[in-house]
Amino acid sequence: MNKFFLILIVSFLFSYQSVVSQDSDNREQLTEMLHNFMEGASNNDKETHDNFWAEDLIYTSSNGTRFGKAEIMAGFENETEVSNTPQTIYTAEEIQINVYDDMAVVAFKMKGTTGEAVQYYYNSGTFLKRNDNWQVVNWQATKVPNI
């Protein structure tokens, strides 16, 4: 009977270590994905957006409008090659990630820098892992007021 409990405890510890390791790997992957997205968004890269957002995305912007991936991607069709708009550089700070099997919630403070001007947003996204790829299915952006 004691051997049974010892085997049960050892089995539990090995499976727990595997889950913790997998969560850590997923957090690293999602963090890297988020930073790559910030860089791609800074460069207005269509492919970056296409890979990041799921087809069934629900996006609520900081101004309260709601739309999906189709509307985001349509924005690239209306762009001209040369833009007079100054480039905004986006970075992610204060990143928090909770992983739940094939779903993850990512929350962070996004910094948008345009020349000397800086604006912060609190963003949160729900990522779903499908076919071994993470994509965003829900996104919420909230503009942090300048104080």
N, C-alpha and C. Protein backbone atom coordinates (compact mmCIF):
# COMPACT_ATOMS: atom_id res chain seq x y z
N MET A 1 0.81 -1.18 0.00
CA MET A 1 0.00 0.00 0.00
C MET A 1 0.87 1.26 0.00
N ASN A 2 1.96 1.27 0.79
CA ASN A 2 2.84 2.43 0.83
C ASN A 2 3.51 2.66 -0.52
N LYS A 3 3.86 1.57 -1.23
CA LYS A 3 4.47 1.70 -2.55
C LYS A 3 3.49 2.35 -3.52
N PHE A 4 2.23 2.00 -3.39
CA PHE A 4 1.21 2.58 -4.26
C PHE A 4 1.16 4.10 -4.09
N PHE A 5 1.13 4.57 -2.84
CA PHE A 5 1.08 6.00 -2.58
C PHE A 5 2.36 6.70 -3.03
N LEU A 6 3.49 6.06 -2.85
CA LEU A 6 4.76 6.62 -3.31
C LEU A 6 4.76 6.77 -4.82
N ILE A 7 4.30 5.75 -5.53
CA ILE A 7 4.23 5.81 -7.00
C ILE A 7 3.24 6.89 -7.43
N LEU A 8 2.12 6.99 -6.75
CA LEU A 8 1.11 8.00 -7.06
C LEU A 8 1.67 9.41 -6.86
N ILE A 9 2.38 9.64 -5.78
CA ILE A 9 2.96 10.96 -5.50
C ILE A 9 4.04 11.31 -6.53
N VAL A 10 4.91 10.36 -6.83
CA VAL A 10 5.97 10.59 -7.82
C VAL A 10 5.35 10.89 -9.18
N SER A 11 4.33 10.15 -9.57
CA SER A 11 3.64 10.39 -10.85
C SER A 11 3.03 11.79 -10.88
N PHE A 12 2.42 12.18 -9.79
CA PHE A 12 1.82 13.50 -9.70
C PHE A 12 2.88 14.59 -9.86
N LEU A 13 4.01 14.43 -9.18
CA LEU A 13 5.07 15.43 -9.25
C LEU A 13 5.63 15.57 -10.66
N PHE A 14 5.80 14.45 -11.36
CA PHE A 14 6.31 14.52 -12.74
C PHE A 14 5.29 15.19 -13.66
N SER A 15 4.02 14.85 -13.50
CA SER A 15 3.01 15.47 -14.36
C SER A 15 2.86 16.95 -14.03
N TYR A 16 2.96 17.34 -12.77
CA TYR A 16 2.88 18.74 -12.37
C TYR A 16 4.05 19.53 -12.97
N GLN A 17 5.25 18.96 -12.91
CA GLN A 17 6.43 19.62 -13.46
C GLN A 17 6.25 19.83 -14.97
N SER A 18 5.66 18.86 -15.66
CA SER A 18 5.43 18.97 -17.09
C SER A 18 4.46 20.10 -17.40
N VAL A 19 3.39 20.23 -16.62
CA VAL A 19 2.40 21.29 -16.81
C VAL A 19 3.03 22.65 -16.55
N VAL A 20 3.80 22.79 -15.48
CA VAL A 20 4.46 24.05 -15.16
C VAL A 20 5.43 24.43 -16.27
N SER A 21 6.18 23.48 -16.78
CA SER A 21 7.12 23.74 -17.85
C SER A 21 6.39 24.18 -19.12
N GLN A 22 5.27 23.53 -19.43
CA GLN A 22 4.50 23.87 -20.61
C GLN A 22 3.92 25.28 -20.47
N ASP A 23 3.40 25.63 -19.30
CA ASP A 23 2.89 26.99 -19.08
C ASP A 23 3.99 28.02 -19.26
N SER A 24 5.17 27.73 -18.76
CA SER A 24 6.31 28.64 -18.91
C SER A 24 6.66 28.81 -20.39
N ASP A 25 6.68 27.71 -21.13
CA ASP A 25 6.96 27.78 -22.57
C ASP A 25 5.90 28.61 -23.29
N ASN A 26 4.62 28.40 -22.94
CA ASN A 26 3.55 29.17 -23.56
C ASN A 26 3.66 30.66 -23.23
N ARG A 27 4.00 30.98 -21.98
CA ARG A 27 4.16 32.39 -21.59
C ARG A 27 5.30 33.04 -22.39
N GLU A 28 6.41 32.31 -22.52
CA GLU A 28 7.55 32.83 -23.31
C GLU A 28 7.14 33.04 -24.76
N GLN A 29 6.43 32.08 -25.33
CA GLN A 29 6.00 32.16 -26.72
C GLN A 29 5.05 33.35 -26.91
N LEU A 30 4.11 33.52 -26.00
CA LEU A 30 3.15 34.62 -26.10
C LEU A 30 3.83 35.98 -25.91
N THR A 31 4.79 36.05 -25.00
CA THR A 31 5.53 37.30 -24.78
C THR A 31 6.30 37.68 -26.04
N GLU A 32 6.98 36.72 -26.62
CA GLU A 32 7.72 36.98 -27.86
C GLU A 32 6.77 37.39 -28.98
N MET A 33 5.65 36.70 -29.07
CA MET A 33 4.64 37.01 -30.09
C MET A 33 4.13 38.44 -29.92
N LEU A 34 3.89 38.84 -28.68
CA LEU A 34 3.40 40.20 -28.41
C LEU A 34 4.44 41.24 -28.81
N HIS A 35 5.70 41.03 -28.44
CA HIS A 35 6.75 41.98 -28.82
C HIS A 35 6.92 42.04 -30.34
N ASN A 36 6.85 40.91 -31.02
CA ASN A 36 6.93 40.90 -32.48
C ASN A 36 5.76 41.65 -33.10
N PHE A 37 4.57 41.48 -32.49
CA PHE A 37 3.41 42.20 -32.99
C PHE A 37 3.58 43.71 -32.82
N MET A 38 4.09 44.13 -31.68
CA MET A 38 4.30 45.57 -31.44
C MET A 38 5.23 46.15 -32.51
N GLU A 39 6.28 45.41 -32.83
CA GLU A 39 7.21 45.86 -33.88
C GLU A 39 6.51 45.91 -35.23
N GLY A 40 5.76 44.87 -35.56
CA GLY A 40 5.04 44.84 -36.83
C GLY A 40 3.98 45.93 -36.92
N ALA A 41 3.27 46.17 -35.81
CA ALA A 41 2.26 47.23 -35.79
C ALA A 41 2.92 48.59 -35.96
N SER A 42 4.10 48.77 -35.40
CA SER A 42 4.84 50.03 -35.55
C SER A 42 5.19 50.29 -37.01
N ASN A 43 5.41 49.21 -37.75
CA ASN A 43 5.76 49.33 -39.17
C ASN A 43 4.55 49.13 -40.08
N ASN A 44 3.36 49.03 -39.47
CA ASN A 44 2.11 48.82 -40.21
C ASN A 44 2.22 47.63 -41.17
N ASP A 45 2.75 46.53 -40.65
CA ASP A 45 3.00 45.33 -41.45
C ASP A 45 1.74 44.47 -41.56
N LYS A 46 1.25 44.32 -42.77
CA LYS A 46 0.01 43.58 -43.04
C LYS A 46 0.12 42.11 -42.60
N GLU A 47 1.22 41.47 -42.90
CA GLU A 47 1.40 40.05 -42.58
C GLU A 47 1.39 39.82 -41.06
N THR A 48 2.00 40.75 -40.33
CA THR A 48 2.00 40.65 -38.87
C THR A 48 0.58 40.66 -38.34
N HIS A 49 -0.23 41.57 -38.83
CA HIS A 49 -1.64 41.65 -38.41
C HIS A 49 -2.40 40.38 -38.81
N ASP A 50 -2.18 39.92 -40.02
CA ASP A 50 -2.89 38.75 -40.52
C ASP A 50 -2.60 37.51 -39.66
N ASN A 51 -1.37 37.37 -39.21
CA ASN A 51 -1.00 36.22 -38.38
C ASN A 51 -1.47 36.37 -36.93
N PHE A 52 -1.53 37.57 -36.42
CA PHE A 52 -1.84 37.83 -35.02
C PHE A 52 -3.33 37.65 -34.70
N TRP A 53 -4.18 38.19 -35.58
CA TRP A 53 -5.62 38.18 -35.33
C TRP A 53 -6.29 36.94 -35.91
N ALA A 54 -7.17 36.32 -35.15
CA ALA A 54 -7.95 35.17 -35.63
C ALA A 54 -9.08 35.68 -36.54
N GLU A 55 -9.55 34.82 -37.41
CA GLU A 55 -10.63 35.19 -38.33
C GLU A 55 -11.89 35.62 -37.57
N ASP A 56 -12.13 35.03 -36.40
CA ASP A 56 -13.33 35.32 -35.62
C ASP A 56 -13.09 36.35 -34.51
N LEU A 57 -12.11 37.21 -34.71
CA LEU A 57 -11.74 38.25 -33.75
C LEU A 57 -12.91 39.19 -33.44
N ILE A 58 -13.02 39.55 -32.16
CA ILE A 58 -13.88 40.65 -31.71
C ILE A 58 -12.94 41.67 -31.06
N TYR A 59 -12.86 42.86 -31.65
CA TYR A 59 -11.93 43.90 -31.20
C TYR A 59 -12.75 45.10 -30.74
N THR A 60 -12.53 45.54 -29.52
CA THR A 60 -13.15 46.75 -29.02
C THR A 60 -12.04 47.78 -28.84
N SER A 61 -12.13 48.85 -29.64
CA SER A 61 -11.07 49.86 -29.64
C SER A 61 -11.20 50.80 -28.46
N SER A 62 -10.17 51.61 -28.27
CA SER A 62 -10.16 52.56 -27.16
C SER A 62 -11.21 53.66 -27.32
N ASN A 63 -11.73 53.85 -28.54
CA ASN A 63 -12.79 54.85 -28.72
C ASN A 63 -14.18 54.23 -28.67
N GLY A 64 -14.23 52.93 -28.37
CA GLY A 64 -15.52 52.27 -28.16
C GLY A 64 -16.12 51.61 -29.38
N THR A 65 -15.42 51.60 -30.50
CA THR A 65 -15.96 50.92 -31.68
C THR A 65 -15.58 49.44 -31.64
N ARG A 66 -16.44 48.62 -32.20
CA ARG A 66 -16.21 47.18 -32.21
C ARG A 66 -16.16 46.72 -33.67
N PHE A 67 -15.17 45.88 -33.97
CA PHE A 67 -15.00 45.37 -35.33
C PHE A 67 -14.24 44.06 -35.28
N GLY A 68 -13.98 43.48 -36.45
CA GLY A 68 -13.29 42.20 -36.53
C GLY A 68 -12.05 42.28 -37.40
N LYS A 69 -11.49 41.13 -37.67
CA LYS A 69 -10.26 41.05 -38.46
C LYS A 69 -10.47 41.60 -39.87
N ALA A 70 -11.63 41.33 -40.46
CA ALA A 70 -11.88 41.79 -41.83
C ALA A 70 -11.70 43.31 -41.94
N GLU A 71 -12.20 44.04 -40.95
CA GLU A 71 -12.08 45.51 -40.97
C GLU A 71 -10.62 45.94 -40.79
N ILE A 72 -9.89 45.23 -39.94
CA ILE A 72 -8.47 45.56 -39.76
C ILE A 72 -7.71 45.35 -41.08
N MET A 73 -7.94 44.21 -41.70
CA MET A 73 -7.22 43.90 -42.93
C MET A 73 -7.65 44.81 -44.09
N ALA A 74 -8.91 45.24 -44.10
CA ALA A 74 -9.38 46.15 -45.15
C ALA A 74 -8.65 47.48 -45.08
N GLY A 75 -8.20 47.85 -43.89
CA GLY A 75 -7.45 49.10 -43.74
C GLY A 75 -6.16 49.11 -44.53
N PHE A 76 -5.60 47.95 -44.79
CA PHE A 76 -4.36 47.88 -45.57
C PHE A 76 -4.63 48.10 -47.06
N GLU A 77 -5.83 47.77 -47.52
CA GLU A 77 -6.18 47.94 -48.93
C GLU A 77 -6.34 49.40 -49.29
N ASN A 78 -6.73 50.23 -48.33
CA ASN A 78 -6.98 51.64 -48.59
C ASN A 78 -5.74 52.50 -48.39
N GLU A 79 -4.63 51.90 -48.01
CA GLU A 79 -3.41 52.65 -47.75
C GLU A 79 -2.71 53.03 -49.03
N THR A 80 -2.08 54.19 -49.00
CA THR A 80 -1.22 54.59 -50.10
C THR A 80 0.21 54.25 -49.72
N GLU A 81 1.06 54.18 -50.70
CA GLU A 81 2.46 53.81 -50.47
C GLU A 81 3.18 54.82 -49.57
N VAL A 82 2.93 56.11 -49.79
CA VAL A 82 3.62 57.15 -49.03
C VAL A 82 2.62 57.78 -48.07
N SER A 83 3.01 57.85 -46.81
CA SER A 83 2.15 58.43 -45.80
C SER A 83 2.82 59.64 -45.18
N ASN A 84 2.04 60.71 -44.98
CA ASN A 84 2.57 61.91 -44.33
C ASN A 84 2.42 61.84 -42.82
N THR A 85 1.77 60.78 -42.34
CA THR A 85 1.56 60.61 -40.91
C THR A 85 2.85 60.16 -40.24
N PRO A 86 3.25 60.83 -39.15
CA PRO A 86 4.47 60.39 -38.45
C PRO A 86 4.30 58.97 -37.91
N GLN A 87 5.37 58.22 -37.92
CA GLN A 87 5.34 56.84 -37.44
C GLN A 87 5.20 56.80 -35.92
N THR A 88 4.34 55.90 -35.47
CA THR A 88 4.20 55.66 -34.04
C THR A 88 4.88 54.34 -33.72
N ILE A 89 5.74 54.35 -32.71
CA ILE A 89 6.43 53.15 -32.25
C ILE A 89 5.68 52.61 -31.04
N TYR A 90 5.28 51.34 -31.13
CA TYR A 90 4.54 50.70 -30.05
C TYR A 90 5.42 49.72 -29.30
N THR A 91 5.30 49.73 -27.98
CA THR A 91 6.00 48.77 -27.14
C THR A 91 5.04 48.28 -26.06
N ALA A 92 5.33 47.10 -25.53
CA ALA A 92 4.51 46.50 -24.48
C ALA A 92 5.28 46.51 -23.17
N GLU A 93 4.61 46.98 -22.12
CA GLU A 93 5.20 47.05 -20.78
C GLU A 93 4.24 46.37 -19.80
N GLU A 94 4.75 46.05 -18.62
CA GLU A 94 3.92 45.50 -17.54
C GLU A 94 3.05 44.34 -18.03
N ILE A 95 3.66 43.37 -18.69
CA ILE A 95 2.94 42.25 -19.30
C ILE A 95 2.56 41.22 -18.24
N GLN A 96 1.29 40.82 -18.27
CA GLN A 96 0.80 39.74 -17.41
C GLN A 96 0.15 38.70 -18.32
N ILE A 97 0.48 37.43 -18.09
CA ILE A 97 -0.06 36.36 -18.92
C ILE A 97 -0.56 35.23 -18.03
N ASN A 98 -1.81 34.85 -18.24
CA ASN A 98 -2.38 33.68 -17.58
C ASN A 98 -2.72 32.67 -18.66
N VAL A 99 -2.22 31.45 -18.51
CA VAL A 99 -2.44 30.39 -19.50
C VAL A 99 -3.40 29.37 -18.92
N TYR A 100 -4.40 28.99 -19.72
CA TYR A 100 -5.39 28.00 -19.34
C TYR A 100 -5.49 26.99 -20.49
N ASP A 101 -4.65 25.98 -20.44
CA ASP A 101 -4.59 24.97 -21.51
C ASP A 101 -4.34 25.64 -22.86
N ASP A 102 -5.34 25.63 -23.75
CA ASP A 102 -5.17 26.20 -25.09
C ASP A 102 -5.75 27.61 -25.20
N MET A 103 -5.90 28.27 -24.07
CA MET A 103 -6.38 29.64 -24.03
C MET A 103 -5.46 30.43 -23.11
N ALA A 104 -5.27 31.70 -23.43
CA ALA A 104 -4.45 32.56 -22.58
C ALA A 104 -5.02 33.97 -22.58
N VAL A 105 -4.88 34.62 -21.45
CA VAL A 105 -5.26 36.02 -21.33
C VAL A 105 -3.97 36.82 -21.15
N VAL A 106 -3.79 37.80 -22.02
CA VAL A 106 -2.60 38.63 -22.00
C VAL A 106 -3.04 40.07 -21.74
N ALA A 107 -2.51 40.67 -20.69
CA ALA A 107 -2.81 42.06 -20.37
C ALA A 107 -1.48 42.81 -20.28
N PHE A 108 -1.48 44.05 -20.77
CA PHE A 108 -0.24 44.82 -20.75
C PHE A 108 -0.54 46.30 -20.93
N LYS A 109 0.45 47.10 -20.68
CA LYS A 109 0.37 48.53 -20.91
C LYS A 109 1.14 48.81 -22.20
N MET A 110 0.44 49.34 -23.19
CA MET A 110 1.07 49.65 -24.46
C MET A 110 1.47 51.11 -24.49
N LYS A 111 2.69 51.35 -24.92
CA LYS A 111 3.20 52.71 -25.06
C LYS A 111 3.30 53.03 -26.55
N GLY A 112 2.65 54.11 -26.95
CA GLY A 112 2.74 54.58 -28.33
C GLY A 112 3.50 55.89 -28.36
N THR A 113 4.64 55.90 -29.04
CA THR A 113 5.49 57.09 -29.09
C THR A 113 5.51 57.62 -30.52
N THR A 114 5.05 58.86 -30.68
CA THR A 114 5.06 59.54 -31.97
C THR A 114 5.86 60.82 -31.79
N GLY A 115 7.09 60.79 -32.26
CA GLY A 115 7.97 61.94 -32.05
C GLY A 115 8.19 62.14 -30.56
N GLU A 116 7.79 63.31 -30.05
CA GLU A 116 7.93 63.63 -28.62
C GLU A 116 6.69 63.20 -27.82
N ALA A 117 5.59 62.95 -28.50
CA ALA A 117 4.33 62.62 -27.83
C ALA A 117 4.28 61.14 -27.44
N VAL A 118 3.77 60.90 -26.23
CA VAL A 118 3.63 59.52 -25.73
C VAL A 118 2.19 59.33 -25.25
N GLN A 119 1.58 58.21 -25.65
CA GLN A 119 0.24 57.86 -25.19
C GLN A 119 0.28 56.41 -24.71
N TYR A 120 -0.38 56.14 -23.59
CA TYR A 120 -0.45 54.80 -23.04
C TYR A 120 -1.86 54.24 -23.19
N TYR A 121 -1.92 52.93 -23.36
CA TYR A 121 -3.18 52.19 -23.45
C TYR A 121 -3.05 50.94 -22.60
N TYR A 122 -4.13 50.60 -21.91
CA TYR A 122 -4.20 49.28 -21.28
C TYR A 122 -4.88 48.37 -22.30
N ASN A 123 -4.22 47.29 -22.61
CA ASN A 123 -4.76 46.33 -23.56
C ASN A 123 -4.89 44.97 -22.90
N SER A 124 -5.90 44.24 -23.30
CA SER A 124 -6.01 42.85 -22.88
C SER A 124 -6.53 42.06 -24.06
N GLY A 125 -6.00 40.87 -24.19
CA GLY A 125 -6.39 40.02 -25.30
C GLY A 125 -6.56 38.58 -24.85
N THR A 126 -7.50 37.91 -25.47
CA THR A 126 -7.71 36.49 -25.25
C THR A 126 -7.14 35.76 -26.46
N PHE A 127 -6.17 34.90 -26.20
CA PHE A 127 -5.51 34.13 -27.25
C PHE A 127 -6.03 32.71 -27.18
N LEU A 128 -6.21 32.11 -28.34
CA LEU A 128 -6.64 30.72 -28.43
C LEU A 128 -5.61 29.97 -29.28
N LYS A 129 -5.21 28.80 -28.81
CA LYS A 129 -4.24 28.00 -29.54
C LYS A 129 -5.00 26.98 -30.39
N ARG A 130 -4.91 27.15 -31.69
CA ARG A 130 -5.55 26.26 -32.66
C ARG A 130 -4.47 25.73 -33.60
N ASN A 131 -4.49 24.45 -33.84
CA ASN A 131 -3.50 23.84 -34.73
C ASN A 131 -2.08 24.27 -34.35
N ASP A 132 -1.82 24.32 -33.05
CA ASP A 132 -0.52 24.64 -32.48
C ASP A 132 -0.09 26.09 -32.70
N ASN A 133 -1.03 26.97 -33.07
CA ASN A 133 -0.73 28.39 -33.28
C ASN A 133 -1.62 29.25 -32.40
N TRP A 134 -1.01 30.22 -31.71
CA TRP A 134 -1.77 31.17 -30.91
C TRP A 134 -2.27 32.29 -31.81
N GLN A 135 -3.54 32.69 -31.62
CA GLN A 135 -4.08 33.87 -32.28
C GLN A 135 -5.05 34.55 -31.33
N VAL A 136 -5.24 35.84 -31.55
CA VAL A 136 -6.14 36.63 -30.70
C VAL A 136 -7.57 36.49 -31.20
N VAL A 137 -8.48 36.12 -30.27
CA VAL A 137 -9.90 36.02 -30.61
C VAL A 137 -10.70 37.18 -30.00
N ASN A 138 -10.14 37.86 -29.01
CA ASN A 138 -10.81 39.00 -28.40
C ASN A 138 -9.76 40.00 -27.94
N TRP A 139 -10.04 41.29 -28.15
CA TRP A 139 -9.10 42.34 -27.78
C TRP A 139 -9.86 43.53 -27.24
N GLN A 140 -9.31 44.13 -26.20
CA GLN A 140 -9.90 45.32 -25.59
C GLN A 140 -8.79 46.33 -25.36
N ALA A 141 -9.00 47.56 -25.84
CA ALA A 141 -8.01 48.63 -25.66
C ALA A 141 -8.67 49.78 -24.90
N THR A 142 -7.96 50.28 -23.90
CA THR A 142 -8.46 51.41 -23.12
C THR A 142 -7.37 52.47 -23.06
N LYS A 143 -7.69 53.66 -23.54
CA LYS A 143 -6.73 54.76 -23.53
C LYS A 143 -6.54 55.24 -22.09
N VAL A 144 -5.29 55.37 -21.67
CA VAL A 144 -4.97 55.89 -20.34
C VAL A 144 -4.94 57.40 -20.47
N PRO A 145 -5.77 58.12 -19.71
CA PRO A 145 -5.80 59.58 -19.83
C PRO A 145 -4.45 60.21 -19.46
N ASN A 146 -4.09 61.24 -20.22
CA ASN A 146 -2.90 62.03 -19.87
C ASN A 146 -3.23 62.88 -18.67
N ILE A 147 -2.43 62.76 -17.65
CA ILE A 147 -2.71 63.51 -16.41
C ILE A 147 -1.77 64.68 -16.29
